[in-house]
Amino acid sequence: MKAMAQKSADRDEELKQMVRCVQLFFSHHKQQGEIAQKLGIHQSKVSRLLKRALDEGLYSVELRVPTLPDLAGRLIDRYLLRDAVVVPTGELENLKEDLGRAGATYFERVIGSGAKVGVSCGTTLFYLIKHLREGSTKGLHIYPLAAETTLSFVDISFNTLVGMMTAKYRPIATGYALPAQLLKATGTNRNAHDSFLNDPDIRKIFKESHDVDIALVGIGGLDPQTPGFSELAMREGVSTKRLQKLGVAGEFNYQPFDKGGRPLSDPTIASLMNRFIGVPLSRFQELSELHGRLVVAVAGGPKKLGPIQSALAGRLFNVLITDQDTANKLLSPES
């Protein structure tokens, strides 16, 4: 019993020190050495207590990345966009989360209660949804922009991201799903496609996903290690090099496009796209031209420059959220 009491007393004392470390560090702006001297402990222990306090939720760190409105305005003028957001380029490994955080802020600024939202897939959109504030908007209807076509990357797939966003706004939002449609690249795809849409509930969701008020989409390159068209093609034995030879410059909502942002008509590509059931590139172009509709592309980084340029050429979106380095390259005379 004495041992248990002593252990409890030690824990209480450590908790007291932890709270004092946090208060002195954040509220009184003391350096770790100053805190150690004041509390009569070693500086290394102050460092451990601060880390433990973070791990145990005594405080949190929220990074607020500023935006660069001048660069954004130049992108809008150069590419005739409806809107743009540019964030400073930080560490490359943090770029997707920085873009997602900026995307969440933008979404919450422009979205209205009762709006219809379409969500594509990918890591950057995962971060966008992660940084949404719970319950900040009411009555949303949230749709996947395609049926599932992947056996992997389930954590960042269409239906999963719709579920994540819906959970942010529960119980004042409604999310919808389109079942997986894992067809072979050859064979009776058209019959399977038609059969898939024969179900009236699925057909209704599919139709409504084409008429959203705001669509959130990433822009992909040729990378079989991420969800998208390249991963689908690899499963059917079509390599990235083969896709490049066929003229694929990138993908948008799982659909490949050429350097002009246009769909490709090559038989190999067409056969693969028979597996796809979702909002086509042509509909994104139409939505981008409609008054009051937003197609928001969230992408940046060196590997995405070419795909972004091509998607801009194809007028696939009317809002771009990107980073400073990418924006500058898009605005260079050579672009």
C-alpha atoms as a PDB file:
ATOM      1  CA  MET A   1       0.000   0.000   0.000  1.00  0.00           C
ATOM      2  CA  LYS A   2       2.846   2.389   0.861  1.00  0.00           C
ATOM      3  CA  ALA A   3       4.468   1.689  -2.512  1.00  0.00           C
ATOM      4  CA  MET A   4       1.202   2.483  -4.333  1.00  0.00           C
ATOM      5  CA  ALA A   5       0.751   5.672  -2.322  1.00  0.00           C
ATOM      6  CA  GLN A   6       4.311   6.745  -3.095  1.00  0.00           C
ATOM      7  CA  LYS A   7       3.807   6.024  -6.791  1.00  0.00           C
ATOM      8  CA  SER A   8       0.644   8.128  -6.781  1.00  0.00           C
ATOM      9  CA  ALA A   9       2.420  10.972  -5.009  1.00  0.00           C
ATOM     10  CA  ASP A  10       5.289  10.842  -7.513  1.00  0.00           C
ATOM     11  CA  ARG A  11       2.808  10.980 -10.380  1.00  0.00           C
ATOM     12  CA  ASP A  12       1.027  13.956  -8.831  1.00  0.00           C
ATOM     13  CA  GLU A  13       4.308  15.798  -8.398  1.00  0.00           C
ATOM     14  CA  GLU A  14       5.363  15.069 -11.979  1.00  0.00           C
ATOM     15  CA  LEU A  15       1.997  16.277 -13.272  1.00  0.00           C
ATOM     16  CA  LYS A  16       2.439  19.485 -11.270  1.00  0.00           C
ATOM     17  CA  GLN A  17       5.886  19.983 -12.802  1.00  0.00           C
ATOM     18  CA  MET A  18       4.508  19.241 -16.244  1.00  0.00           C
ATOM     19  CA  VAL A  19       1.804  21.908 -15.917  1.00  0.00           C
ATOM     20  CA  ARG A  20       4.300  24.461 -14.607  1.00  0.00           C
ATOM     21  CA  CYS A  21       6.688  23.700 -17.489  1.00  0.00           C
ATOM     22  CA  VAL A  22       3.901  24.269 -20.039  1.00  0.00           C
ATOM     23  CA  GLN A  23       2.785  27.511 -18.361  1.00  0.00           C
ATOM     24  CA  LEU A  24       6.306  28.897 -18.054  1.00  0.00           C
ATOM     25  CA  PHE A  25       7.203  27.937 -21.623  1.00  0.00           C
ATOM     26  CA  PHE A  26       4.068  29.197 -23.393  1.00  0.00           C
ATOM     27  CA  SER A  27       2.524  31.834 -21.112  1.00  0.00           C
ATOM     28  CA  HIS A  28       5.687  33.343 -19.653  1.00  0.00           C
ATOM     29  CA  HIS A  29       7.936  32.719 -22.707  1.00  0.00           C
ATOM     30  CA  LYS A  30      10.738  31.223 -20.632  1.00  0.00           C
ATOM     31  CA  GLN A  31      13.573  29.236 -22.198  1.00  0.00           C
ATOM     32  CA  GLN A  32      14.045  25.618 -21.108  1.00  0.00           C
ATOM     33  CA  GLY A  33      17.197  26.520 -19.165  1.00  0.00           C
ATOM     34  CA  GLU A  34      15.331  29.220 -17.255  1.00  0.00           C
ATOM     35  CA  ILE A  35      12.497  26.796 -16.466  1.00  0.00           C
ATOM     36  CA  ALA A  36      14.982  24.201 -15.198  1.00  0.00           C
ATOM     37  CA  GLN A  37      16.596  26.746 -12.895  1.00  0.00           C
ATOM     38  CA  LYS A  38      13.243  27.950 -11.542  1.00  0.00           C
ATOM     39  CA  LEU A  39      11.954  24.419 -10.865  1.00  0.00           C
ATOM     40  CA  GLY A  40      15.285  23.078  -9.625  1.00  0.00           C
ATOM     41  CA  ILE A  41      15.472  20.270 -12.190  1.00  0.00           C
ATOM     42  CA  HIS A  42      17.777  19.398 -15.086  1.00  0.00           C
ATOM     43  CA  GLN A  43      17.086  20.987 -18.501  1.00  0.00           C
ATOM     44  CA  SER A  44      16.787  17.545 -20.115  1.00  0.00           C
ATOM     45  CA  LYS A  45      13.911  16.780 -17.748  1.00  0.00           C
ATOM     46  CA  VAL A  46      12.151  19.993 -18.804  1.00  0.00           C
ATOM     47  CA  SER A  47      12.432  18.841 -22.419  1.00  0.00           C
ATOM     48  CA  ARG A  48      10.998  15.408 -21.508  1.00  0.00           C
ATOM     49  CA  LEU A  49       8.143  16.950 -19.514  1.00  0.00           C
ATOM     50  CA  LEU A  50       7.180  19.258 -22.384  1.00  0.00           C
ATOM     51  CA  LYS A  51       7.176  16.357 -24.829  1.00  0.00           C
ATOM     52  CA  ARG A  52       5.132  14.217 -22.449  1.00  0.00           C
ATOM     53  CA  ALA A  53       2.678  17.078 -21.917  1.00  0.00           C
ATOM     54  CA  LEU A  54       2.182  17.265 -25.686  1.00  0.00           C
ATOM     55  CA  ASP A  55       1.722  13.492 -25.937  1.00  0.00           C
ATOM     56  CA  GLU A  56      -0.834  13.520 -23.108  1.00  0.00           C
ATOM     57  CA  GLY A  57      -2.791  16.420 -24.570  1.00  0.00           C
ATOM     58  CA  LEU A  58      -1.964  19.110 -22.007  1.00  0.00           C
ATOM     59  CA  TYR A  59      -1.347  21.425 -24.941  1.00  0.00           C
ATOM     60  CA  SER A  60      -1.487  21.239 -28.717  1.00  0.00           C
ATOM     61  CA  VAL A  61       0.455  22.861 -31.516  1.00  0.00           C
ATOM     62  CA  GLU A  62      -1.498  24.225 -34.465  1.00  0.00           C
ATOM     63  CA  LEU A  63       0.428  25.453 -37.486  1.00  0.00           C
ATOM     64  CA  ARG A  64      -1.266  28.281 -39.355  1.00  0.00           C
ATOM     65  CA  VAL A  65       0.316  28.620 -42.757  1.00  0.00           C
ATOM     66  CA  PRO A  66      -0.171  32.117 -44.226  1.00  0.00           C
ATOM     67  CA  THR A  67      -1.294  32.692 -47.796  1.00  0.00           C
ATOM     68  CA  LEU A  68       0.207  34.817 -50.557  1.00  0.00           C
ATOM     69  CA  PRO A  69      -2.654  36.848 -52.095  1.00  0.00           C
ATOM     70  CA  ASP A  70      -0.509  38.662 -54.676  1.00  0.00           C
ATOM     71  CA  LEU A  71       0.652  35.397 -56.235  1.00  0.00           C
ATOM     72  CA  ALA A  72      -2.900  34.067 -56.090  1.00  0.00           C
ATOM     73  CA  GLY A  73      -4.191  37.147 -57.918  1.00  0.00           C
ATOM     74  CA  ARG A  74      -1.619  36.722 -60.666  1.00  0.00           C
ATOM     75  CA  LEU A  75      -2.640  33.081 -61.121  1.00  0.00           C
ATOM     76  CA  ILE A  76      -6.288  34.125 -61.389  1.00  0.00           C
ATOM     77  CA  ASP A  77      -5.456  36.705 -64.060  1.00  0.00           C
ATOM     78  CA  ARG A  78      -3.061  34.488 -65.997  1.00  0.00           C
ATOM     79  CA  TYR A  79      -5.294  31.427 -66.146  1.00  0.00           C
ATOM     80  CA  LEU A  80      -8.739  33.072 -65.874  1.00  0.00           C
ATOM     81  CA  LEU A  81      -9.519  31.211 -62.670  1.00  0.00           C
ATOM     82  CA  ARG A  82     -12.467  31.892 -60.405  1.00  0.00           C
ATOM     83  CA  ASP A  83     -10.179  31.882 -57.359  1.00  0.00           C
ATOM     84  CA  ALA A  84      -6.772  30.732 -56.111  1.00  0.00           C
ATOM     85  CA  VAL A  85      -4.890  30.192 -52.850  1.00  0.00           C
ATOM     86  CA  VAL A  86      -1.098  30.071 -52.603  1.00  0.00           C
ATOM     87  CA  VAL A  87       0.791  28.977 -49.480  1.00  0.00           C
ATOM     88  CA  PRO A  88       4.519  29.452 -48.827  1.00  0.00           C
ATOM     89  CA  THR A  89       6.570  26.437 -49.849  1.00  0.00           C
ATOM     90  CA  GLY A  90       7.918  24.770 -46.718  1.00  0.00           C
ATOM     91  CA  GLU A  91       9.378  21.300 -46.262  1.00  0.00           C
ATOM     92  CA  LEU A  92       8.411  19.065 -49.176  1.00  0.00           C
ATOM     93  CA  GLU A  93       7.353  16.253 -46.842  1.00  0.00           C
ATOM     94  CA  ASN A  94       4.819  18.609 -45.234  1.00  0.00           C
ATOM     95  CA  LEU A  95       3.492  20.079 -48.481  1.00  0.00           C
ATOM     96  CA  LYS A  96       0.398  17.901 -48.849  1.00  0.00           C
ATOM     97  CA  GLU A  97      -0.727  18.708 -45.326  1.00  0.00           C
ATOM     98  CA  ASP A  98      -0.016  22.424 -45.836  1.00  0.00           C
ATOM     99  CA  LEU A  99      -2.141  22.372 -48.992  1.00  0.00           C
ATOM    100  CA  GLY A 100      -4.851  20.348 -47.254  1.00  0.00           C
ATOM    101  CA  ARG A 101      -4.944  22.822 -44.363  1.00  0.00           C
ATOM    102  CA  ALA A 102      -5.285  25.731 -46.802  1.00  0.00           C
ATOM    103  CA  GLY A 103      -7.953  23.812 -48.699  1.00  0.00           C
ATOM    104  CA  ALA A 104      -9.954  23.273 -45.513  1.00  0.00           C
ATOM    105  CA  THR A 105      -9.844  26.981 -44.682  1.00  0.00           C
ATOM    106  CA  TYR A 106     -10.936  27.879 -48.208  1.00  0.00           C
ATOM    107  CA  PHE A 107     -13.741  25.304 -48.211  1.00  0.00           C
ATOM    108  CA  GLU A 108     -15.156  26.603 -44.937  1.00  0.00           C
ATOM    109  CA  ARG A 109     -15.023  30.149 -46.253  1.00  0.00           C
ATOM    110  CA  VAL A 110     -16.979  29.508 -49.456  1.00  0.00           C
ATOM    111  CA  ILE A 111     -19.335  26.662 -48.592  1.00  0.00           C
ATOM    112  CA  GLY A 112     -22.921  27.378 -47.608  1.00  0.00           C
ATOM    113  CA  SER A 113     -25.334  25.341 -45.534  1.00  0.00           C
ATOM    114  CA  GLY A 114     -27.209  22.729 -47.544  1.00  0.00           C
ATOM    115  CA  ALA A 115     -24.620  22.634 -50.344  1.00  0.00           C
ATOM    116  CA  LYS A 116     -23.834  19.530 -52.399  1.00  0.00           C
ATOM    117  CA  VAL A 117     -20.157  18.552 -52.172  1.00  0.00           C
ATOM    118  CA  GLY A 118     -18.250  16.123 -54.381  1.00  0.00           C
ATOM    119  CA  VAL A 119     -15.063  14.465 -53.109  1.00  0.00           C
ATOM    120  CA  SER A 120     -12.401  12.669 -55.111  1.00  0.00           C
ATOM    121  CA  CYS A 121      -9.558  10.668 -53.525  1.00  0.00           C
ATOM    122  CA  GLY A 122      -5.940  11.043 -52.464  1.00  0.00           C
ATOM    123  CA  THR A 123      -3.628  12.047 -49.636  1.00  0.00           C
ATOM    124  CA  THR A 124      -3.947  15.818 -50.073  1.00  0.00           C
ATOM    125  CA  LEU A 125      -7.734  15.619 -49.819  1.00  0.00           C
ATOM    126  CA  PHE A 126      -7.329  13.422 -46.744  1.00  0.00           C
ATOM    127  CA  TYR A 127      -5.447  16.280 -45.089  1.00  0.00           C
ATOM    128  CA  LEU A 128      -8.045  18.794 -46.267  1.00  0.00           C
ATOM    129  CA  ILE A 129     -10.791  16.826 -44.533  1.00  0.00           C
ATOM    130  CA  LYS A 130      -8.601  16.232 -41.472  1.00  0.00           C
ATOM    131  CA  HIS A 131      -8.321  19.990 -40.934  1.00  0.00           C
ATOM    132  CA  LEU A 132     -12.013  20.808 -41.305  1.00  0.00           C
ATOM    133  CA  ARG A 133     -13.612  22.127 -38.138  1.00  0.00           C
ATOM    134  CA  GLU A 134     -16.289  19.813 -36.813  1.00  0.00           C
ATOM    135  CA  GLY A 135     -19.848  21.072 -37.166  1.00  0.00           C
ATOM    136  CA  SER A 136     -18.868  24.347 -38.843  1.00  0.00           C
ATOM    137  CA  THR A 137     -21.371  23.937 -41.712  1.00  0.00           C
ATOM    138  CA  LYS A 138     -24.865  22.461 -41.640  1.00  0.00           C
ATOM    139  CA  GLY A 139     -26.931  20.324 -43.955  1.00  0.00           C
ATOM    140  CA  LEU A 140     -24.268  19.287 -46.450  1.00  0.00           C
ATOM    141  CA  HIS A 141     -24.846  16.451 -48.917  1.00  0.00           C
ATOM    142  CA  ILE A 142     -21.527  14.767 -49.682  1.00  0.00           C
ATOM    143  CA  TYR A 143     -20.913  12.520 -52.698  1.00  0.00           C
ATOM    144  CA  PRO A 144     -18.011  10.462 -54.039  1.00  0.00           C
ATOM    145  CA  LEU A 145     -17.015  11.622 -57.507  1.00  0.00           C
ATOM    146  CA  ALA A 146     -16.524   8.032 -58.662  1.00  0.00           C
ATOM    147  CA  ALA A 147     -17.238   4.446 -57.697  1.00  0.00           C
ATOM    148  CA  GLU A 148     -14.358   2.625 -56.032  1.00  0.00           C
ATOM    149  CA  THR A 149     -11.914   1.103 -58.503  1.00  0.00           C
ATOM    150  CA  THR A 150      -9.014   0.233 -56.231  1.00  0.00           C
ATOM    151  CA  LEU A 151      -8.124  -2.752 -54.075  1.00  0.00           C
ATOM    152  CA  SER A 152      -5.610  -0.750 -52.050  1.00  0.00           C
ATOM    153  CA  PHE A 153      -5.263   2.770 -50.602  1.00  0.00           C
ATOM    154  CA  VAL A 154      -8.638   2.207 -48.931  1.00  0.00           C
ATOM    155  CA  ASP A 155      -7.850   4.859 -46.297  1.00  0.00           C
ATOM    156  CA  ILE A 156      -7.736   7.647 -48.898  1.00  0.00           C
ATOM    157  CA  SER A 157     -10.312   6.336 -51.372  1.00  0.00           C
ATOM    158  CA  PHE A 158     -13.537   8.010 -52.529  1.00  0.00           C
ATOM    159  CA  ASN A 159     -16.022   6.481 -50.094  1.00  0.00           C
ATOM    160  CA  THR A 160     -13.626   6.662 -47.138  1.00  0.00           C
ATOM    161  CA  LEU A 161     -13.058  10.396 -47.601  1.00  0.00           C
ATOM    162  CA  VAL A 162     -16.791  10.996 -47.996  1.00  0.00           C
ATOM    163  CA  GLY A 163     -17.285   9.123 -44.718  1.00  0.00           C
ATOM    164  CA  MET A 164     -14.592  11.187 -43.001  1.00  0.00           C
ATOM    165  CA  MET A 165     -16.135  14.461 -44.113  1.00  0.00           C
ATOM    166  CA  THR A 166     -19.638  13.368 -43.177  1.00  0.00           C
ATOM    167  CA  ALA A 167     -18.399  12.403 -39.706  1.00  0.00           C
ATOM    168  CA  LYS A 168     -17.013  15.925 -39.265  1.00  0.00           C
ATOM    169  CA  TYR A 169     -20.515  17.347 -39.622  1.00  0.00           C
ATOM    170  CA  ARG A 170     -22.649  14.637 -38.012  1.00  0.00           C
ATOM    171  CA  PRO A 171     -25.584  14.663 -37.472  1.00  0.00           C
ATOM    172  CA  ILE A 172     -26.123  17.667 -39.744  1.00  0.00           C
ATOM    173  CA  ALA A 173     -24.737  16.184 -42.964  1.00  0.00           C
ATOM    174  CA  THR A 174     -25.586  13.276 -45.221  1.00  0.00           C
ATOM    175  CA  GLY A 175     -22.942  11.203 -46.978  1.00  0.00           C
ATOM    176  CA  TYR A 176     -23.444   8.815 -49.873  1.00  0.00           C
ATOM    177  CA  ALA A 177     -21.387   5.947 -51.278  1.00  0.00           C
ATOM    178  CA  LEU A 178     -20.943   4.300 -54.641  1.00  0.00           C
ATOM    179  CA  PRO A 179     -20.021   0.591 -54.348  1.00  0.00           C
ATOM    180  CA  ALA A 180     -16.779  -0.825 -55.691  1.00  0.00           C
ATOM    181  CA  GLN A 181     -16.792  -1.541 -59.408  1.00  0.00           C
ATOM    182  CA  LEU A 182     -13.804  -3.795 -60.016  1.00  0.00           C
ATOM    183  CA  LEU A 183     -14.222  -4.740 -63.660  1.00  0.00           C
ATOM    184  CA  LYS A 184     -11.664  -6.354 -65.891  1.00  0.00           C
ATOM    185  CA  ALA A 185     -10.035  -4.248 -68.564  1.00  0.00           C
ATOM    186  CA  THR A 186     -11.535  -6.455 -71.254  1.00  0.00           C
ATOM    187  CA  GLY A 187     -14.724  -8.438 -71.636  1.00  0.00           C
ATOM    188  CA  THR A 188     -18.280  -7.480 -70.720  1.00  0.00           C
ATOM    189  CA  ASN A 189     -17.513  -4.118 -69.194  1.00  0.00           C
ATOM    190  CA  ARG A 190     -20.354  -2.258 -70.844  1.00  0.00           C
ATOM    191  CA  ASN A 191     -22.938  -4.760 -69.625  1.00  0.00           C
ATOM    192  CA  ALA A 192     -21.480  -4.594 -66.122  1.00  0.00           C
ATOM    193  CA  HIS A 193     -21.448  -0.807 -66.281  1.00  0.00           C
ATOM    194  CA  ASP A 194     -25.111  -0.703 -67.266  1.00  0.00           C
ATOM    195  CA  SER A 195     -26.027  -3.300 -64.660  1.00  0.00           C
ATOM    196  CA  PHE A 196     -24.261  -1.253 -61.978  1.00  0.00           C
ATOM    197  CA  LEU A 197     -26.461   1.744 -62.762  1.00  0.00           C
ATOM    198  CA  ASN A 198     -29.687  -0.275 -63.016  1.00  0.00           C
ATOM    199  CA  ASP A 199     -30.108  -0.035 -59.259  1.00  0.00           C
ATOM    200  CA  PRO A 200     -32.273   3.086 -58.759  1.00  0.00           C
ATOM    201  CA  ASP A 201     -30.555   4.128 -55.534  1.00  0.00           C
ATOM    202  CA  ILE A 202     -27.091   3.885 -57.078  1.00  0.00           C
ATOM    203  CA  ARG A 203     -28.267   5.655 -60.230  1.00  0.00           C
ATOM    204  CA  LYS A 204     -29.683   8.526 -58.142  1.00  0.00           C
ATOM    205  CA  ILE A 205     -26.426   8.998 -56.214  1.00  0.00           C
ATOM    206  CA  PHE A 206     -24.427   8.750 -59.435  1.00  0.00           C
ATOM    207  CA  LYS A 207     -26.595  11.396 -61.123  1.00  0.00           C
ATOM    208  CA  GLU A 208     -26.425  13.777 -58.151  1.00  0.00           C
ATOM    209  CA  SER A 209     -22.623  13.448 -57.977  1.00  0.00           C
ATOM    210  CA  HIS A 210     -22.527  15.103 -61.416  1.00  0.00           C
ATOM    211  CA  ASP A 211     -24.382  18.182 -60.164  1.00  0.00           C
ATOM    212  CA  VAL A 212     -22.512  19.262 -57.037  1.00  0.00           C
ATOM    213  CA  ASP A 213     -22.004  22.859 -55.950  1.00  0.00           C
ATOM    214  CA  ILE A 214     -18.352  22.315 -55.124  1.00  0.00           C
ATOM    215  CA  ALA A 215     -16.021  19.501 -56.191  1.00  0.00           C
ATOM    216  CA  LEU A 216     -12.765  18.804 -54.336  1.00  0.00           C
ATOM    217  CA  VAL A 217     -10.186  17.089 -56.546  1.00  0.00           C
ATOM    218  CA  GLY A 218      -6.467  16.406 -56.479  1.00  0.00           C
ATOM    219  CA  ILE A 219      -4.284  16.366 -59.591  1.00  0.00           C
ATOM    220  CA  GLY A 220      -2.202  13.244 -60.030  1.00  0.00           C
ATOM    221  CA  GLY A 221       0.920  12.401 -61.929  1.00  0.00           C
ATOM    222  CA  LEU A 222       2.063   9.039 -63.212  1.00  0.00           C
ATOM    223  CA  ASP A 223       2.793   7.339 -59.902  1.00  0.00           C
ATOM    224  CA  PRO A 224       1.658   3.734 -59.316  1.00  0.00           C
ATOM    225  CA  GLN A 225       2.419   4.184 -55.605  1.00  0.00           C
ATOM    226  CA  THR A 226      -0.616   6.439 -55.120  1.00  0.00           C
ATOM    227  CA  PRO A 227      -4.326   5.907 -55.797  1.00  0.00           C
ATOM    228  CA  GLY A 228      -5.324   6.868 -59.282  1.00  0.00           C
ATOM    229  CA  PHE A 229      -5.220   5.823 -62.884  1.00  0.00           C
ATOM    230  CA  SER A 230      -1.579   4.662 -62.795  1.00  0.00           C
ATOM    231  CA  GLU A 231      -2.321   2.168 -60.023  1.00  0.00           C
ATOM    232  CA  LEU A 232      -5.299   0.825 -61.974  1.00  0.00           C
ATOM    233  CA  ALA A 233      -3.182   0.535 -65.134  1.00  0.00           C
ATOM    234  CA  MET A 234      -0.382  -1.293 -63.315  1.00  0.00           C
ATOM    235  CA  ARG A 235      -2.838  -3.940 -62.107  1.00  0.00           C
ATOM    236  CA  GLU A 236      -3.691  -4.618 -65.750  1.00  0.00           C
ATOM    237  CA  GLY A 237      -0.037  -4.822 -66.804  1.00  0.00           C
ATOM    238  CA  VAL A 238       0.229  -1.343 -68.354  1.00  0.00           C
ATOM    239  CA  SER A 239       3.426   0.286 -67.066  1.00  0.00           C
ATOM    240  CA  THR A 240       4.060   3.937 -66.331  1.00  0.00           C
ATOM    241  CA  LYS A 241       6.490   4.096 -69.259  1.00  0.00           C
ATOM    242  CA  ARG A 242       3.775   2.738 -71.532  1.00  0.00           C
ATOM    243  CA  LEU A 243       1.335   5.367 -70.299  1.00  0.00           C
ATOM    244  CA  GLN A 244       3.905   8.087 -71.003  1.00  0.00           C
ATOM    245  CA  LYS A 245       4.375   6.811 -74.557  1.00  0.00           C
ATOM    246  CA  LEU A 246       0.613   6.886 -75.002  1.00  0.00           C
ATOM    247  CA  GLY A 247       0.643  10.573 -74.083  1.00  0.00           C
ATOM    248  CA  VAL A 248      -0.689  10.509 -70.521  1.00  0.00           C
ATOM    249  CA  ALA A 249       0.377  13.724 -68.767  1.00  0.00           C
ATOM    250  CA  GLY A 250      -1.572  13.285 -65.533  1.00  0.00           C
ATOM    251  CA  GLU A 251      -4.904  12.296 -64.052  1.00  0.00           C
ATOM    252  CA  PHE A 252      -7.913  14.061 -62.605  1.00  0.00           C
ATOM    253  CA  ASN A 253     -10.478  12.122 -60.595  1.00  0.00           C
ATOM    254  CA  TYR A 254      -8.903   8.833 -61.735  1.00  0.00           C
ATOM    255  CA  GLN A 255      -9.039   9.818 -65.423  1.00  0.00           C
ATOM    256  CA  PRO A 256      -5.942  10.319 -67.601  1.00  0.00           C
ATOM    257  CA  PHE A 257      -5.457  13.394 -69.747  1.00  0.00           C
ATOM    258  CA  ASP A 258      -2.892  14.547 -72.312  1.00  0.00           C
ATOM    259  CA  LYS A 259      -0.727  17.683 -72.244  1.00  0.00           C
ATOM    260  CA  GLY A 260      -3.705  19.738 -73.358  1.00  0.00           C
ATOM    261  CA  GLY A 261      -5.862  18.403 -70.536  1.00  0.00           C
ATOM    262  CA  ARG A 262      -7.925  16.321 -72.961  1.00  0.00           C
ATOM    263  CA  PRO A 263      -9.093  12.696 -72.603  1.00  0.00           C
ATOM    264  CA  LEU A 264      -7.054  10.147 -74.553  1.00  0.00           C
ATOM    265  CA  SER A 265      -8.663   7.984 -77.234  1.00  0.00           C
ATOM    266  CA  ASP A 266      -5.971   5.290 -77.499  1.00  0.00           C
ATOM    267  CA  PRO A 267      -7.580   1.797 -77.389  1.00  0.00           C
ATOM    268  CA  THR A 268      -5.445   0.744 -74.424  1.00  0.00           C
ATOM    269  CA  ILE A 269      -6.574   3.766 -72.426  1.00  0.00           C
ATOM    270  CA  ALA A 270     -10.188   3.362 -73.542  1.00  0.00           C
ATOM    271  CA  SER A 271     -10.165  -0.279 -72.458  1.00  0.00           C
ATOM    272  CA  LEU A 272      -8.880   0.654 -69.010  1.00  0.00           C
ATOM    273  CA  MET A 273     -11.407   3.456 -68.670  1.00  0.00           C
ATOM    274  CA  ASN A 274     -14.249   1.008 -69.272  1.00  0.00           C
ATOM    275  CA  ARG A 275     -13.655   0.165 -65.623  1.00  0.00           C
ATOM    276  CA  PHE A 276     -14.313   3.727 -64.522  1.00  0.00           C
ATOM    277  CA  ILE A 277     -17.707   4.893 -63.301  1.00  0.00           C
ATOM    278  CA  GLY A 278     -17.669   8.506 -62.173  1.00  0.00           C
ATOM    279  CA  VAL A 279     -17.835  12.159 -63.104  1.00  0.00           C
ATOM    280  CA  PRO A 280     -16.035  12.524 -66.474  1.00  0.00           C
ATOM    281  CA  LEU A 281     -13.531  15.203 -67.424  1.00  0.00           C
ATOM    282  CA  SER A 282     -16.080  16.870 -69.687  1.00  0.00           C
ATOM    283  CA  ARG A 283     -18.440  17.409 -66.756  1.00  0.00           C
ATOM    284  CA  PHE A 284     -15.702  19.071 -64.689  1.00  0.00           C
ATOM    285  CA  GLN A 285     -15.147  21.441 -67.608  1.00  0.00           C
ATOM    286  CA  GLU A 286     -18.883  22.213 -67.675  1.00  0.00           C
ATOM    287  CA  LEU A 287     -19.081  22.742 -63.912  1.00  0.00           C
ATOM    288  CA  SER A 288     -16.089  25.092 -64.090  1.00  0.00           C
ATOM    289  CA  GLU A 289     -18.016  27.302 -66.502  1.00  0.00           C
ATOM    290  CA  LEU A 290     -21.286  27.354 -64.547  1.00  0.00           C
ATOM    291  CA  HIS A 291     -22.117  30.336 -62.363  1.00  0.00           C
ATOM    292  CA  GLY A 292     -21.852  29.523 -58.659  1.00  0.00           C
ATOM    293  CA  ARG A 293     -20.127  26.153 -59.145  1.00  0.00           C
ATOM    294  CA  LEU A 294     -16.592  25.540 -57.944  1.00  0.00           C
ATOM    295  CA  VAL A 295     -14.180  22.815 -59.007  1.00  0.00           C
ATOM    296  CA  VAL A 296     -11.307  23.109 -56.533  1.00  0.00           C
ATOM    297  CA  ALA A 297      -7.999  21.482 -57.485  1.00  0.00           C
ATOM    298  CA  VAL A 298      -5.556  21.017 -54.601  1.00  0.00           C
ATOM    299  CA  ALA A 299      -2.045  20.157 -55.769  1.00  0.00           C
ATOM    300  CA  GLY A 300       1.544  21.340 -55.636  1.00  0.00           C
ATOM    301  CA  GLY A 301       5.177  20.335 -55.605  1.00  0.00           C
ATOM    302  CA  PRO A 302       7.754  19.637 -58.325  1.00  0.00           C
ATOM    303  CA  LYS A 303       6.174  16.368 -59.504  1.00  0.00           C
ATOM    304  CA  LYS A 304       2.785  17.999 -59.969  1.00  0.00           C
ATOM    305  CA  LEU A 305       3.870  21.020 -62.051  1.00  0.00           C
ATOM    306  CA  GLY A 306       3.407  19.317 -65.439  1.00  0.00           C
ATOM    307  CA  PRO A 307       0.043  17.737 -64.572  1.00  0.00           C
ATOM    308  CA  ILE A 308      -1.229  21.062 -63.166  1.00  0.00           C
ATOM    309  CA  GLN A 309      -0.188  22.888 -66.351  1.00  0.00           C
ATOM    310  CA  SER A 310      -2.003  20.315 -68.482  1.00  0.00           C
ATOM    311  CA  ALA A 311      -5.149  20.393 -66.336  1.00  0.00           C
ATOM    312  CA  LEU A 312      -5.133  24.202 -66.566  1.00  0.00           C
ATOM    313  CA  ALA A 313      -4.900  23.953 -70.340  1.00  0.00           C
ATOM    314  CA  GLY A 314      -7.944  21.675 -70.333  1.00  0.00           C
ATOM    315  CA  ARG A 315      -9.962  24.023 -68.087  1.00  0.00           C
ATOM    316  CA  LEU A 316     -10.710  21.106 -65.753  1.00  0.00           C
ATOM    317  CA  PHE A 317     -11.096  23.325 -62.668  1.00  0.00           C
ATOM    318  CA  ASN A 318     -11.707  26.964 -61.761  1.00  0.00           C
ATOM    319  CA  VAL A 319     -10.027  27.183 -58.328  1.00  0.00           C
ATOM    320  CA  LEU A 320      -6.404  26.232 -57.644  1.00  0.00           C
ATOM    321  CA  ILE A 321      -4.814  25.731 -54.227  1.00  0.00           C
ATOM    322  CA  THR A 322      -1.064  25.340 -54.596  1.00  0.00           C
ATOM    323  CA  ASP A 323       2.316  26.354 -53.159  1.00  0.00           C
ATOM    324  CA  GLN A 324       4.587  29.311 -53.773  1.00  0.00           C
ATOM    325  CA  ASP A 325       7.262  27.532 -55.842  1.00  0.00           C
ATOM    326  CA  THR A 326       4.666  25.890 -58.086  1.00  0.00           C
ATOM    327  CA  ALA A 327       2.798  29.180 -58.516  1.00  0.00           C
ATOM    328  CA  ASN A 328       5.977  30.985 -59.555  1.00  0.00           C
ATOM    329  CA  LYS A 329       6.759  28.325 -62.139  1.00  0.00           C
ATOM    330  CA  LEU A 330       3.201  28.478 -63.472  1.00  0.00           C
ATOM    331  CA  LEU A 331       3.635  32.244 -63.845  1.00  0.00           C
ATOM    332  CA  SER A 332       7.046  32.086 -65.536  1.00  0.00           C
ATOM    333  CA  PRO A 333       7.211  33.201 -69.197  1.00  0.00           C
ATOM    334  CA  GLU A 334       8.000  29.631 -70.271  1.00  0.00           C
ATOM    335  CA  SER A 335       4.700  28.267 -68.897  1.00  0.00           C
END
